[in-house]
Amino acid sequence: MLLDPVTLNTEVVGLLGSRMDASNGLWSVYITVVFAVFGFMISARKVIEWPHAVLIAVVFGAFALTNWVGLDALCEQRNALYQYFSIDKLGSHPDVFRPLTVLQMTIMHVVCDVLVIAGILFLGLPRRHKKPGSR
């Protein structure tokens, strides 16, 4: 059964959109976890010490890896869909639907991960205590 061009365009856009929604969901979870970790560490600043920060960084690294695996799979799916259907089937604005390459997504994720882990470790650094009578 062959689909007419309008139905095919609708299906292609729907498939690309559903994969984009799924990747947006994973990025939303990532951002929520980052804010939760920083919020916890800032609010518990007097309790969090270096060993705790290292443990939190390791756990976050494991979370970030599993998040990346999911985003990698979605990115591959979106790229496969984009390449399978020719640009003429995507309408007059194909760049709107062009997904990130796996390399682009990986670089973005790694940069974010490094910054977050650096922030976690920074928040876990020992703090200087002011001596009484000093400014």
C-alpha atoms as a PDB file:
ATOM      1  CA  MET A   1       0.000   0.000   0.000  1.00  0.00           C
ATOM      2  CA  LEU A   2       1.470   3.295  -1.091  1.00  0.00           C
ATOM      3  CA  LEU A   3       0.820   6.436   0.882  1.00  0.00           C
ATOM      4  CA  ASP A   4      -0.040   9.677  -0.827  1.00  0.00           C
ATOM      5  CA  PRO A   5       2.545  12.490  -0.386  1.00  0.00           C
ATOM      6  CA  VAL A   6       0.470  14.431   2.157  1.00  0.00           C
ATOM      7  CA  THR A   7       0.015  11.372   4.392  1.00  0.00           C
ATOM      8  CA  LEU A   8       3.692  10.476   4.020  1.00  0.00           C
ATOM      9  CA  ASN A   9       4.767  14.013   4.989  1.00  0.00           C
ATOM     10  CA  THR A  10       2.493  13.861   8.016  1.00  0.00           C
ATOM     11  CA  GLU A  11       3.902  10.477   9.065  1.00  0.00           C
ATOM     12  CA  VAL A  12       7.523  11.574   8.621  1.00  0.00           C
ATOM     13  CA  VAL A  13       6.985  14.766  10.609  1.00  0.00           C
ATOM     14  CA  GLY A  14       5.134  12.770  13.282  1.00  0.00           C
ATOM     15  CA  LEU A  15       7.964  10.218  13.602  1.00  0.00           C
ATOM     16  CA  LEU A  16      10.644  12.906  13.783  1.00  0.00           C
ATOM     17  CA  GLY A  17       8.547  14.878  16.264  1.00  0.00           C
ATOM     18  CA  SER A  18       7.994  11.890  18.560  1.00  0.00           C
ATOM     19  CA  ARG A  19      11.732  11.165  18.671  1.00  0.00           C
ATOM     20  CA  MET A  20      12.404  14.853  19.343  1.00  0.00           C
ATOM     21  CA  ASP A  21       9.867  14.812  22.203  1.00  0.00           C
ATOM     22  CA  ALA A  22      11.589  11.786  23.708  1.00  0.00           C
ATOM     23  CA  SER A  23      15.024  13.449  23.561  1.00  0.00           C
ATOM     24  CA  ASN A  24      13.576  16.636  25.078  1.00  0.00           C
ATOM     25  CA  GLY A  25      12.244  14.502  27.913  1.00  0.00           C
ATOM     26  CA  LEU A  26      15.689  13.036  28.588  1.00  0.00           C
ATOM     27  CA  TRP A  27      17.289  16.488  28.543  1.00  0.00           C
ATOM     28  CA  SER A  28      14.598  17.721  30.946  1.00  0.00           C
ATOM     29  CA  VAL A  29      15.392  14.893  33.356  1.00  0.00           C
ATOM     30  CA  TYR A  30      19.100  15.723  33.070  1.00  0.00           C
ATOM     31  CA  ILE A  31      18.538  19.421  33.847  1.00  0.00           C
ATOM     32  CA  THR A  32      16.210  18.579  36.744  1.00  0.00           C
ATOM     33  CA  VAL A  33      18.799  16.260  38.293  1.00  0.00           C
ATOM     34  CA  VAL A  34      21.532  18.896  37.875  1.00  0.00           C
ATOM     35  CA  PHE A  35      19.437  21.542  39.659  1.00  0.00           C
ATOM     36  CA  ALA A  36      18.466  19.048  42.377  1.00  0.00           C
ATOM     37  CA  VAL A  37      22.104  18.075  43.017  1.00  0.00           C
ATOM     38  CA  PHE A  38      23.287  21.688  43.134  1.00  0.00           C
ATOM     39  CA  GLY A  39      20.328  22.705  45.284  1.00  0.00           C
ATOM     40  CA  PHE A  40      21.022  19.905  47.729  1.00  0.00           C
ATOM     41  CA  MET A  41      24.720  20.647  47.899  1.00  0.00           C
ATOM     42  CA  ILE A  42      24.218  24.381  48.389  1.00  0.00           C
ATOM     43  CA  SER A  43      21.572  23.925  51.067  1.00  0.00           C
ATOM     44  CA  ALA A  44      23.650  21.310  52.897  1.00  0.00           C
ATOM     45  CA  ARG A  45      26.912  23.234  52.461  1.00  0.00           C
ATOM     46  CA  LYS A  46      28.031  22.763  56.070  1.00  0.00           C
ATOM     47  CA  VAL A  47      27.382  19.017  55.972  1.00  0.00           C
ATOM     48  CA  ILE A  48      28.870  18.170  52.555  1.00  0.00           C
ATOM     49  CA  GLU A  49      32.585  17.439  52.724  1.00  0.00           C
ATOM     50  CA  TRP A  50      35.072  16.354  50.069  1.00  0.00           C
ATOM     51  CA  PRO A  51      34.379  12.571  50.299  1.00  0.00           C
ATOM     52  CA  HIS A  52      30.648  13.248  49.961  1.00  0.00           C
ATOM     53  CA  ALA A  53      31.230  15.484  46.951  1.00  0.00           C
ATOM     54  CA  VAL A  54      33.349  12.801  45.277  1.00  0.00           C
ATOM     55  CA  LEU A  55      30.616  10.220  45.895  1.00  0.00           C
ATOM     56  CA  ILE A  56      27.951  12.588  44.520  1.00  0.00           C
ATOM     57  CA  ALA A  57      30.148  13.256  41.463  1.00  0.00           C
ATOM     58  CA  VAL A  58      30.577   9.515  40.812  1.00  0.00           C
ATOM     59  CA  VAL A  59      26.835   8.874  41.159  1.00  0.00           C
ATOM     60  CA  PHE A  60      26.086  11.830  38.886  1.00  0.00           C
ATOM     61  CA  GLY A  61      28.620  10.471  36.371  1.00  0.00           C
ATOM     62  CA  ALA A  62      26.780   7.130  36.330  1.00  0.00           C
ATOM     63  CA  PHE A  63      23.466   8.944  35.832  1.00  0.00           C
ATOM     64  CA  ALA A  64      24.972  11.082  33.061  1.00  0.00           C
ATOM     65  CA  LEU A  65      26.272   7.972  31.296  1.00  0.00           C
ATOM     66  CA  THR A  66      22.865   6.283  31.306  1.00  0.00           C
ATOM     67  CA  ASN A  67      21.259   9.544  30.152  1.00  0.00           C
ATOM     68  CA  TRP A  68      23.771   9.772  27.310  1.00  0.00           C
ATOM     69  CA  VAL A  69      23.062   6.177  26.259  1.00  0.00           C
ATOM     70  CA  GLY A  70      19.366   7.007  25.920  1.00  0.00           C
ATOM     71  CA  LEU A  71      20.066  10.243  24.047  1.00  0.00           C
ATOM     72  CA  ASP A  72      22.533   8.427  21.783  1.00  0.00           C
ATOM     73  CA  ALA A  73      19.910   5.852  20.812  1.00  0.00           C
ATOM     74  CA  LEU A  74      17.327   8.566  20.143  1.00  0.00           C
ATOM     75  CA  CYS A  75      19.830  10.573  18.132  1.00  0.00           C
ATOM     76  CA  GLU A  76      20.628   7.546  15.983  1.00  0.00           C
ATOM     77  CA  GLN A  77      16.907   6.905  15.432  1.00  0.00           C
ATOM     78  CA  ARG A  78      16.270  10.514  14.438  1.00  0.00           C
ATOM     79  CA  ASN A  79      19.247  10.544  12.068  1.00  0.00           C
ATOM     80  CA  ALA A  80      18.163   7.260  10.498  1.00  0.00           C
ATOM     81  CA  LEU A  81      14.642   8.617   9.952  1.00  0.00           C
ATOM     82  CA  TYR A  82      15.991  11.860   8.538  1.00  0.00           C
ATOM     83  CA  GLN A  83      18.308  10.056   6.125  1.00  0.00           C
ATOM     84  CA  TYR A  84      15.726   7.439   5.118  1.00  0.00           C
ATOM     85  CA  PHE A  85      13.276  10.018   3.875  1.00  0.00           C
ATOM     86  CA  SER A  86      14.533  12.357   1.223  1.00  0.00           C
ATOM     87  CA  ILE A  87      14.550  16.070   1.883  1.00  0.00           C
ATOM     88  CA  ASP A  88      11.771  16.686  -0.657  1.00  0.00           C
ATOM     89  CA  LYS A  89       9.410  14.658   1.576  1.00  0.00           C
ATOM     90  CA  LEU A  90      10.126  16.914   4.542  1.00  0.00           C
ATOM     91  CA  GLY A  91       8.681  20.006   2.911  1.00  0.00           C
ATOM     92  CA  SER A  92      10.280  23.334   2.172  1.00  0.00           C
ATOM     93  CA  HIS A  93      12.117  23.658   5.517  1.00  0.00           C
ATOM     94  CA  PRO A  94      14.114  20.428   5.966  1.00  0.00           C
ATOM     95  CA  ASP A  95      16.693  22.053   8.290  1.00  0.00           C
ATOM     96  CA  VAL A  96      13.993  22.479  10.923  1.00  0.00           C
ATOM     97  CA  PHE A  97      13.878  18.686  11.208  1.00  0.00           C
ATOM     98  CA  ARG A  98      17.618  18.023  10.916  1.00  0.00           C
ATOM     99  CA  PRO A  99      18.695  16.315  14.157  1.00  0.00           C
ATOM    100  CA  LEU A 100      22.014  16.718  15.888  1.00  0.00           C
ATOM    101  CA  THR A 101      24.613  14.223  14.827  1.00  0.00           C
ATOM    102  CA  VAL A 102      25.704  11.692  17.426  1.00  0.00           C
ATOM    103  CA  LEU A 103      29.063  13.469  17.649  1.00  0.00           C
ATOM    104  CA  GLN A 104      27.438  16.877  18.242  1.00  0.00           C
ATOM    105  CA  MET A 105      25.160  15.479  20.931  1.00  0.00           C
ATOM    106  CA  THR A 106      28.053  13.628  22.592  1.00  0.00           C
ATOM    107  CA  ILE A 107      30.252  16.729  22.672  1.00  0.00           C
ATOM    108  CA  MET A 108      27.423  18.791  24.156  1.00  0.00           C
ATOM    109  CA  HIS A 109      26.698  16.129  26.795  1.00  0.00           C
ATOM    110  CA  VAL A 110      30.361  15.693  27.762  1.00  0.00           C
ATOM    111  CA  VAL A 111      30.873  19.455  28.107  1.00  0.00           C
ATOM    112  CA  CYS A 112      27.789  19.689  30.345  1.00  0.00           C
ATOM    113  CA  ASP A 113      28.923  16.658  32.372  1.00  0.00           C
ATOM    114  CA  VAL A 114      32.405  18.067  32.931  1.00  0.00           C
ATOM    115  CA  LEU A 115      31.000  21.425  34.044  1.00  0.00           C
ATOM    116  CA  VAL A 116      28.510  19.802  36.426  1.00  0.00           C
ATOM    117  CA  ILE A 117      31.092  17.447  37.949  1.00  0.00           C
ATOM    118  CA  ALA A 118      33.517  20.368  38.349  1.00  0.00           C
ATOM    119  CA  GLY A 119      30.745  22.305  40.113  1.00  0.00           C
ATOM    120  CA  ILE A 120      29.989  19.372  42.400  1.00  0.00           C
ATOM    121  CA  LEU A 121      33.652  18.985  43.328  1.00  0.00           C
ATOM    122  CA  PHE A 122      34.020  22.738  43.813  1.00  0.00           C
ATOM    123  CA  LEU A 123      31.080  22.779  46.219  1.00  0.00           C
ATOM    124  CA  GLY A 124      32.736  19.962  48.143  1.00  0.00           C
ATOM    125  CA  LEU A 125      36.042  21.770  48.617  1.00  0.00           C
ATOM    126  CA  PRO A 126      36.956  22.536  52.207  1.00  0.00           C
ATOM    127  CA  ARG A 127      35.892  26.025  53.179  1.00  0.00           C
ATOM    128  CA  ARG A 128      38.124  28.471  54.936  1.00  0.00           C
ATOM    129  CA  HIS A 129      36.774  29.382  58.307  1.00  0.00           C
ATOM    130  CA  LYS A 130      37.221  32.970  59.372  1.00  0.00           C
ATOM    131  CA  LYS A 131      39.240  33.477  62.502  1.00  0.00           C
ATOM    132  CA  PRO A 132      37.444  35.412  65.199  1.00  0.00           C
ATOM    133  CA  GLY A 133      38.198  39.096  64.874  1.00  0.00           C
ATOM    134  CA  SER A 134      39.319  38.889  61.218  1.00  0.00           C
ATOM    135  CA  ARG A 135      37.490  40.462  58.321  1.00  0.00           C
END
